[in-house]
């Protein structure tokens, strides 16, 4: 018996290998073949194995679901319905929009009684870095692997990938505490500028990978929204500098 499953939570080839190894270790599984590109597993079974058994064999960050014959056919042909893909993309990006919305509301509440809102951008940037670094630190190893798939500097040195969330935390504190603002703004331009180059290249190459902006806790696709998110922060930094 051969069955096809969708597996969410894989961010790199290491994840794919781990999932494949664990599925092949199940006694009733003859062979399991996992692909990262379409996040699928094709499993050949000696006897029927329930979805619960398959899920229990995997760490909690991976979620396995059965695919219908129609979904398998669409995936194989590469012709998934456009509307379905667009809907799925926006649903996946909902956590990002909610977080940015909450940060915007918090910025307004911090500044609405002030006569001048000159420093409102600093509050937003500080909160942005603190919140986004928090999600990255929930799984530093997973983040560093995912981040290195598109960030140019992280590809060269893993030290940068591991240290990036701490740099974001430091920048967030500098903005909120109004400490060495010019240095923080220049550092923001450099860090996000490098990342934006990688994001732009990924979008132009039309590669389907996960965005590491919120770590691995929330699985987000790499989309134009990621580019816009970085661009907004870069424009804010330039505005505050000049």
C-alpha atoms as a PDB file:
ATOM      1  CA  UNK A   1       0.000   0.000   0.000  1.00  0.00           C
ATOM      2  CA  UNK A   2       1.346   3.356  -1.030  1.00  0.00           C
ATOM      3  CA  UNK A   3       0.089   6.592   0.532  1.00  0.00           C
ATOM      4  CA  UNK A   4       1.064  10.244   0.116  1.00  0.00           C
ATOM      5  CA  UNK A   5       1.148  12.693   3.020  1.00  0.00           C
ATOM      6  CA  UNK A   6       1.771  16.409   3.470  1.00  0.00           C
ATOM      7  CA  UNK A   7       4.354  17.297   6.115  1.00  0.00           C
ATOM      8  CA  UNK A   8       4.522  20.821   7.561  1.00  0.00           C
ATOM      9  CA  UNK A   9       7.441  22.126   9.604  1.00  0.00           C
ATOM     10  CA  UNK A  10      10.438  21.135   7.479  1.00  0.00           C
ATOM     11  CA  UNK A  11      12.794  24.054   6.858  1.00  0.00           C
ATOM     12  CA  UNK A  12      15.935  22.422   5.456  1.00  0.00           C
ATOM     13  CA  UNK A  13      17.400  19.213   4.071  1.00  0.00           C
ATOM     14  CA  UNK A  14      18.374  18.193   7.594  1.00  0.00           C
ATOM     15  CA  UNK A  15      14.701  18.261   8.573  1.00  0.00           C
ATOM     16  CA  UNK A  16      13.835  16.185   5.514  1.00  0.00           C
ATOM     17  CA  UNK A  17      16.440  13.558   6.405  1.00  0.00           C
ATOM     18  CA  UNK A  18      15.271  13.430  10.015  1.00  0.00           C
ATOM     19  CA  UNK A  19      11.616  12.961   9.018  1.00  0.00           C
ATOM     20  CA  UNK A  20      12.502  10.289   6.459  1.00  0.00           C
ATOM     21  CA  UNK A  21      14.652   8.402   8.978  1.00  0.00           C
ATOM     22  CA  UNK A  22      11.934   8.422  11.638  1.00  0.00           C
ATOM     23  CA  UNK A  23       9.226   7.277   9.225  1.00  0.00           C
ATOM     24  CA  UNK A  24      11.403   4.433   7.927  1.00  0.00           C
ATOM     25  CA  UNK A  25      11.959   3.320  11.527  1.00  0.00           C
ATOM     26  CA  UNK A  26       8.254   2.438  11.910  1.00  0.00           C
ATOM     27  CA  UNK A  27       7.972  -1.389  11.733  1.00  0.00           C
ATOM     28  CA  UNK A  28       5.005  -1.405   9.342  1.00  0.00           C
ATOM     29  CA  UNK A  29       6.702   0.983   6.893  1.00  0.00           C
ATOM     30  CA  UNK A  30       8.595  -0.661   4.039  1.00  0.00           C
ATOM     31  CA  UNK A  31       9.946   2.560   2.581  1.00  0.00           C
ATOM     32  CA  UNK A  32       9.366   6.278   3.121  1.00  0.00           C
ATOM     33  CA  UNK A  33      10.573   8.904   0.662  1.00  0.00           C
ATOM     34  CA  UNK A  34      10.355  12.547   1.764  1.00  0.00           C
ATOM     35  CA  UNK A  35      10.795  15.615  -0.460  1.00  0.00           C
ATOM     36  CA  UNK A  36      11.434  19.102   0.885  1.00  0.00           C
ATOM     37  CA  UNK A  37      10.309  21.076  -2.174  1.00  0.00           C
ATOM     38  CA  UNK A  38       6.652  20.024  -2.009  1.00  0.00           C
ATOM     39  CA  UNK A  39       6.752  18.970   1.675  1.00  0.00           C
ATOM     40  CA  UNK A  40       5.450  15.499   0.946  1.00  0.00           C
ATOM     41  CA  UNK A  41       6.139  11.946   2.031  1.00  0.00           C
ATOM     42  CA  UNK A  42       5.356   8.906  -0.101  1.00  0.00           C
ATOM     43  CA  UNK A  43       5.114   5.886   2.196  1.00  0.00           C
ATOM     44  CA  UNK A  44       5.009   2.236   1.138  1.00  0.00           C
ATOM     45  CA  UNK A  45       3.428   0.174   3.926  1.00  0.00           C
ATOM     46  CA  UNK A  46       3.467  -3.545   4.682  1.00  0.00           C
ATOM     47  CA  UNK A  47       0.274  -3.105   6.699  1.00  0.00           C
ATOM     48  CA  UNK A  48      -1.943  -0.080   7.113  1.00  0.00           C
ATOM     49  CA  UNK A  49      -0.458   2.499   9.476  1.00  0.00           C
ATOM     50  CA  UNK A  50      -2.736   5.153  10.954  1.00  0.00           C
ATOM     51  CA  UNK A  51      -1.962   8.849  10.821  1.00  0.00           C
ATOM     52  CA  UNK A  52      -1.685   8.894  14.625  1.00  0.00           C
ATOM     53  CA  UNK A  53       1.160   6.362  14.539  1.00  0.00           C
ATOM     54  CA  UNK A  54       2.976   8.372  11.885  1.00  0.00           C
ATOM     55  CA  UNK A  55       2.582  11.592  13.860  1.00  0.00           C
ATOM     56  CA  UNK A  56       3.826   9.989  17.080  1.00  0.00           C
ATOM     57  CA  UNK A  57       7.012   8.952  15.288  1.00  0.00           C
ATOM     58  CA  UNK A  58       7.820  12.589  14.508  1.00  0.00           C
ATOM     59  CA  UNK A  59       8.796  15.529  16.749  1.00  0.00           C
ATOM     60  CA  UNK A  60       5.975  17.956  17.538  1.00  0.00           C
ATOM     61  CA  UNK A  61       7.259  20.638  15.161  1.00  0.00           C
ATOM     62  CA  UNK A  62       6.326  18.423  12.200  1.00  0.00           C
ATOM     63  CA  UNK A  63       2.654  17.959  11.337  1.00  0.00           C
ATOM     64  CA  UNK A  64       1.679  15.144   8.972  1.00  0.00           C
ATOM     65  CA  UNK A  65      -1.660  15.034   7.180  1.00  0.00           C
ATOM     66  CA  UNK A  66      -3.095  12.683   4.589  1.00  0.00           C
ATOM     67  CA  UNK A  67      -3.570  13.976   1.039  1.00  0.00           C
ATOM     68  CA  UNK A  68      -6.587  13.270  -1.132  1.00  0.00           C
ATOM     69  CA  UNK A  69      -6.198  11.759  -4.593  1.00  0.00           C
ATOM     70  CA  UNK A  70      -7.041  15.147  -6.131  1.00  0.00           C
ATOM     71  CA  UNK A  71      -4.377  16.948  -4.083  1.00  0.00           C
ATOM     72  CA  UNK A  72      -1.773  14.345  -5.047  1.00  0.00           C
ATOM     73  CA  UNK A  73      -2.696  14.691  -8.725  1.00  0.00           C
ATOM     74  CA  UNK A  74      -2.531  18.500  -8.555  1.00  0.00           C
ATOM     75  CA  UNK A  75       0.834  18.340  -6.816  1.00  0.00           C
ATOM     76  CA  UNK A  76       2.251  15.903  -9.362  1.00  0.00           C
ATOM     77  CA  UNK A  77       1.086  17.944 -12.344  1.00  0.00           C
ATOM     78  CA  UNK A  78       2.206  21.230 -10.801  1.00  0.00           C
ATOM     79  CA  UNK A  79      -1.167  22.833 -11.582  1.00  0.00           C
ATOM     80  CA  UNK A  80      -2.666  23.721  -8.206  1.00  0.00           C
ATOM     81  CA  UNK A  81      -5.608  26.116  -8.404  1.00  0.00           C
ATOM     82  CA  UNK A  82      -4.406  29.733  -8.309  1.00  0.00           C
ATOM     83  CA  UNK A  83      -7.146  30.897  -5.972  1.00  0.00           C
ATOM     84  CA  UNK A  84      -6.373  28.132  -3.515  1.00  0.00           C
ATOM     85  CA  UNK A  85      -2.662  29.003  -3.520  1.00  0.00           C
ATOM     86  CA  UNK A  86      -3.322  32.708  -2.994  1.00  0.00           C
ATOM     87  CA  UNK A  87      -5.758  32.015  -0.166  1.00  0.00           C
ATOM     88  CA  UNK A  88      -3.309  29.672   1.501  1.00  0.00           C
ATOM     89  CA  UNK A  89      -0.521  32.257   1.210  1.00  0.00           C
ATOM     90  CA  UNK A  90      -2.531  34.999   2.922  1.00  0.00           C
ATOM     91  CA  UNK A  91      -3.739  32.621   5.621  1.00  0.00           C
ATOM     92  CA  UNK A  92      -0.141  31.631   6.338  1.00  0.00           C
ATOM     93  CA  UNK A  93       0.880  35.291   6.529  1.00  0.00           C
ATOM     94  CA  UNK A  94      -1.904  36.176   8.992  1.00  0.00           C
ATOM     95  CA  UNK A  95       0.382  35.867  12.076  1.00  0.00           C
ATOM     96  CA  UNK A  96       2.818  38.350  10.516  1.00  0.00           C
ATOM     97  CA  UNK A  97       0.072  40.882   9.822  1.00  0.00           C
ATOM     98  CA  UNK A  98      -1.362  40.447  13.325  1.00  0.00           C
ATOM     99  CA  UNK A  99       2.013  41.044  14.964  1.00  0.00           C
ATOM    100  CA  UNK A 100       2.682  44.167  12.897  1.00  0.00           C
ATOM    101  CA  UNK A 101      -0.847  45.366  13.710  1.00  0.00           C
ATOM    102  CA  UNK A 102      -0.300  44.881  17.446  1.00  0.00           C
ATOM    103  CA  UNK A 103       3.059  46.691  17.251  1.00  0.00           C
ATOM    104  CA  UNK A 104       1.372  49.599  15.466  1.00  0.00           C
ATOM    105  CA  UNK A 105      -1.342  49.823  18.137  1.00  0.00           C
ATOM    106  CA  UNK A 106       1.278  49.676  20.912  1.00  0.00           C
ATOM    107  CA  UNK A 107       3.221  52.489  19.222  1.00  0.00           C
ATOM    108  CA  UNK A 108       0.094  54.658  19.061  1.00  0.00           C
ATOM    109  CA  UNK A 109      -0.696  54.016  22.744  1.00  0.00           C
ATOM    110  CA  UNK A 110       2.849  54.970  23.728  1.00  0.00           C
ATOM    111  CA  UNK A 111       2.719  58.235  21.795  1.00  0.00           C
ATOM    112  CA  UNK A 112      -0.872  59.492  21.655  1.00  0.00           C
ATOM    113  CA  UNK A 113      -0.448  61.835  24.655  1.00  0.00           C
ATOM    114  CA  UNK A 114       2.801  63.324  23.373  1.00  0.00           C
ATOM    115  CA  UNK A 115       2.724  66.720  21.737  1.00  0.00           C
ATOM    116  CA  UNK A 116       5.101  65.540  19.024  1.00  0.00           C
ATOM    117  CA  UNK A 117       5.347  62.075  17.510  1.00  0.00           C
ATOM    118  CA  UNK A 118       8.927  62.487  16.335  1.00  0.00           C
ATOM    119  CA  UNK A 119      10.076  59.405  18.238  1.00  0.00           C
ATOM    120  CA  UNK A 120       7.141  57.152  17.439  1.00  0.00           C
ATOM    121  CA  UNK A 121       9.170  55.403  14.733  1.00  0.00           C
ATOM    122  CA  UNK A 122      11.876  54.571  17.269  1.00  0.00           C
ATOM    123  CA  UNK A 123       9.287  52.938  19.530  1.00  0.00           C
ATOM    124  CA  UNK A 124       7.916  50.886  16.618  1.00  0.00           C
ATOM    125  CA  UNK A 125      11.392  49.784  15.505  1.00  0.00           C
ATOM    126  CA  UNK A 126      12.373  48.882  19.057  1.00  0.00           C
ATOM    127  CA  UNK A 127       9.242  46.798  19.632  1.00  0.00           C
ATOM    128  CA  UNK A 128       9.639  45.229  16.178  1.00  0.00           C
ATOM    129  CA  UNK A 129      13.141  43.970  16.904  1.00  0.00           C
ATOM    130  CA  UNK A 130      12.314  42.736  20.415  1.00  0.00           C
ATOM    131  CA  UNK A 131       9.239  40.757  19.340  1.00  0.00           C
ATOM    132  CA  UNK A 132      10.779  39.288  16.205  1.00  0.00           C
ATOM    133  CA  UNK A 133      13.973  38.280  18.031  1.00  0.00           C
ATOM    134  CA  UNK A 134      11.855  36.515  20.676  1.00  0.00           C
ATOM    135  CA  UNK A 135      10.306  34.200  18.095  1.00  0.00           C
ATOM    136  CA  UNK A 136      13.726  33.451  16.598  1.00  0.00           C
ATOM    137  CA  UNK A 137      15.147  32.503  19.991  1.00  0.00           C
ATOM    138  CA  UNK A 138      12.454  29.874  20.554  1.00  0.00           C
ATOM    139  CA  UNK A 139      14.444  27.635  18.183  1.00  0.00           C
ATOM    140  CA  UNK A 140      17.901  29.088  17.542  1.00  0.00           C
ATOM    141  CA  UNK A 141      19.160  26.024  15.689  1.00  0.00           C
ATOM    142  CA  UNK A 142      16.130  25.830  13.416  1.00  0.00           C
ATOM    143  CA  UNK A 143      16.258  29.561  12.758  1.00  0.00           C
ATOM    144  CA  UNK A 144      19.967  29.536  11.868  1.00  0.00           C
ATOM    145  CA  UNK A 145      19.459  26.712   9.369  1.00  0.00           C
ATOM    146  CA  UNK A 146      16.427  28.344   7.761  1.00  0.00           C
ATOM    147  CA  UNK A 147      18.027  31.827   7.738  1.00  0.00           C
ATOM    148  CA  UNK A 148      21.152  30.511   6.006  1.00  0.00           C
ATOM    149  CA  UNK A 149      19.046  29.378   3.066  1.00  0.00           C
ATOM    150  CA  UNK A 150      18.594  32.938   1.803  1.00  0.00           C
ATOM    151  CA  UNK A 151      20.649  35.463   3.799  1.00  0.00           C
ATOM    152  CA  UNK A 152      23.972  36.077   1.968  1.00  0.00           C
ATOM    153  CA  UNK A 153      26.091  36.563   5.104  1.00  0.00           C
ATOM    154  CA  UNK A 154      24.472  33.682   7.008  1.00  0.00           C
ATOM    155  CA  UNK A 155      25.396  31.399   4.115  1.00  0.00           C
ATOM    156  CA  UNK A 156      29.054  32.302   4.620  1.00  0.00           C
ATOM    157  CA  UNK A 157      29.249  32.000   8.397  1.00  0.00           C
ATOM    158  CA  UNK A 158      26.932  30.172  10.796  1.00  0.00           C
ATOM    159  CA  UNK A 159      28.139  32.426  13.628  1.00  0.00           C
ATOM    160  CA  UNK A 160      26.234  35.325  12.057  1.00  0.00           C
ATOM    161  CA  UNK A 161      23.083  33.204  11.703  1.00  0.00           C
ATOM    162  CA  UNK A 162      23.244  32.132  15.359  1.00  0.00           C
ATOM    163  CA  UNK A 163      24.008  35.650  16.563  1.00  0.00           C
ATOM    164  CA  UNK A 164      21.382  37.463  14.469  1.00  0.00           C
ATOM    165  CA  UNK A 165      18.529  37.207  17.045  1.00  0.00           C
ATOM    166  CA  UNK A 166      20.830  38.651  19.720  1.00  0.00           C
ATOM    167  CA  UNK A 167      21.754  41.534  17.414  1.00  0.00           C
ATOM    168  CA  UNK A 168      18.044  42.220  16.920  1.00  0.00           C
ATOM    169  CA  UNK A 169      17.482  42.210  20.691  1.00  0.00           C
ATOM    170  CA  UNK A 170      20.341  44.649  21.190  1.00  0.00           C
ATOM    171  CA  UNK A 171      18.982  46.978  18.494  1.00  0.00           C
ATOM    172  CA  UNK A 172      15.497  46.801  19.990  1.00  0.00           C
ATOM    173  CA  UNK A 173      16.806  47.827  23.414  1.00  0.00           C
ATOM    174  CA  UNK A 174      18.893  50.632  21.904  1.00  0.00           C
ATOM    175  CA  UNK A 175      15.834  52.082  20.163  1.00  0.00           C
ATOM    176  CA  UNK A 176      13.565  51.800  23.198  1.00  0.00           C
ATOM    177  CA  UNK A 177      16.213  53.217  25.572  1.00  0.00           C
ATOM    178  CA  UNK A 178      17.264  55.931  23.073  1.00  0.00           C
ATOM    179  CA  UNK A 179      20.866  54.751  23.348  1.00  0.00           C
ATOM    180  CA  UNK A 180      23.272  55.580  20.487  1.00  0.00           C
ATOM    181  CA  UNK A 181      20.402  55.964  18.038  1.00  0.00           C
ATOM    182  CA  UNK A 182      22.582  56.813  15.035  1.00  0.00           C
ATOM    183  CA  UNK A 183      24.631  53.651  15.492  1.00  0.00           C
ATOM    184  CA  UNK A 184      21.440  51.597  15.879  1.00  0.00           C
ATOM    185  CA  UNK A 185      19.971  53.103  12.701  1.00  0.00           C
ATOM    186  CA  UNK A 186      23.117  52.422  10.672  1.00  0.00           C
ATOM    187  CA  UNK A 187      23.271  48.859  12.010  1.00  0.00           C
ATOM    188  CA  UNK A 188      19.611  48.405  11.037  1.00  0.00           C
ATOM    189  CA  UNK A 189      20.337  49.523   7.487  1.00  0.00           C
ATOM    190  CA  UNK A 190      23.254  47.090   7.223  1.00  0.00           C
ATOM    191  CA  UNK A 191      21.520  44.054   8.763  1.00  0.00           C
ATOM    192  CA  UNK A 192      18.202  44.436   6.951  1.00  0.00           C
ATOM    193  CA  UNK A 193      19.935  45.549   3.764  1.00  0.00           C
ATOM    194  CA  UNK A 194      21.902  42.290   3.610  1.00  0.00           C
ATOM    195  CA  UNK A 195      18.795  40.227   4.353  1.00  0.00           C
ATOM    196  CA  UNK A 196      16.725  42.126   1.771  1.00  0.00           C
ATOM    197  CA  UNK A 197      19.280  41.269  -0.913  1.00  0.00           C
ATOM    198  CA  UNK A 198      18.789  37.579  -0.118  1.00  0.00           C
ATOM    199  CA  UNK A 199      14.994  37.930   0.005  1.00  0.00           C
ATOM    200  CA  UNK A 200      14.953  39.734  -3.348  1.00  0.00           C
ATOM    201  CA  UNK A 201      17.104  37.045  -4.991  1.00  0.00           C
ATOM    202  CA  UNK A 202      14.851  34.305  -3.589  1.00  0.00           C
ATOM    203  CA  UNK A 203      11.720  36.016  -4.918  1.00  0.00           C
ATOM    204  CA  UNK A 204      13.280  36.604  -8.345  1.00  0.00           C
ATOM    205  CA  UNK A 205      14.394  32.960  -8.529  1.00  0.00           C
ATOM    206  CA  UNK A 206      10.846  31.966  -7.518  1.00  0.00           C
ATOM    207  CA  UNK A 207      12.138  29.535  -4.928  1.00  0.00           C
ATOM    208  CA  UNK A 208       9.628  28.085  -2.467  1.00  0.00           C
ATOM    209  CA  UNK A 209      11.246  28.319   0.981  1.00  0.00           C
ATOM    210  CA  UNK A 210      10.198  29.360   4.452  1.00  0.00           C
ATOM    211  CA  UNK A 211      10.865  32.852   5.770  1.00  0.00           C
ATOM    212  CA  UNK A 212      12.842  32.905   9.028  1.00  0.00           C
ATOM    213  CA  UNK A 213      11.621  36.343  10.161  1.00  0.00           C
ATOM    214  CA  UNK A 214       9.544  34.718  12.915  1.00  0.00           C
ATOM    215  CA  UNK A 215      11.848  31.748  13.413  1.00  0.00           C
ATOM    216  CA  UNK A 216      10.433  28.250  13.061  1.00  0.00           C
ATOM    217  CA  UNK A 217       7.633  28.621  15.618  1.00  0.00           C
ATOM    218  CA  UNK A 218       5.390  30.121  12.933  1.00  0.00           C
ATOM    219  CA  UNK A 219       5.865  28.710   9.453  1.00  0.00           C
ATOM    220  CA  UNK A 220       5.725  31.585   6.979  1.00  0.00           C
ATOM    221  CA  UNK A 221       6.301  31.389   3.230  1.00  0.00           C
ATOM    222  CA  UNK A 222       8.853  33.675   1.589  1.00  0.00           C
ATOM    223  CA  UNK A 223       6.670  36.224  -0.217  1.00  0.00           C
ATOM    224  CA  UNK A 224       6.569  39.842  -1.317  1.00  0.00           C
ATOM    225  CA  UNK A 225       5.261  40.636   2.189  1.00  0.00           C
ATOM    226  CA  UNK A 226       8.686  39.727   3.603  1.00  0.00           C
ATOM    227  CA  UNK A 227      10.336  42.183   1.229  1.00  0.00           C
ATOM    228  CA  UNK A 228       7.818  44.921   2.135  1.00  0.00           C
ATOM    229  CA  UNK A 229       8.359  44.266   5.856  1.00  0.00           C
ATOM    230  CA  UNK A 230      12.128  44.773   5.500  1.00  0.00           C
ATOM    231  CA  UNK A 231      11.677  47.744   3.169  1.00  0.00           C
ATOM    232  CA  UNK A 232       9.464  49.570   5.692  1.00  0.00           C
ATOM    233  CA  UNK A 233      12.097  49.200   8.426  1.00  0.00           C
ATOM    234  CA  UNK A 234      14.864  50.347   6.065  1.00  0.00           C
ATOM    235  CA  UNK A 235      12.859  53.421   5.013  1.00  0.00           C
ATOM    236  CA  UNK A 236      12.169  54.263   8.660  1.00  0.00           C
ATOM    237  CA  UNK A 237      15.879  54.030   9.469  1.00  0.00           C
ATOM    238  CA  UNK A 238      16.796  56.271   6.532  1.00  0.00           C
ATOM    239  CA  UNK A 239      14.100  58.804   7.492  1.00  0.00           C
ATOM    240  CA  UNK A 240      15.307  58.947  11.111  1.00  0.00           C
ATOM    241  CA  UNK A 241      18.924  59.389   9.986  1.00  0.00           C
ATOM    242  CA  UNK A 242      18.347  62.158   7.480  1.00  0.00           C
END
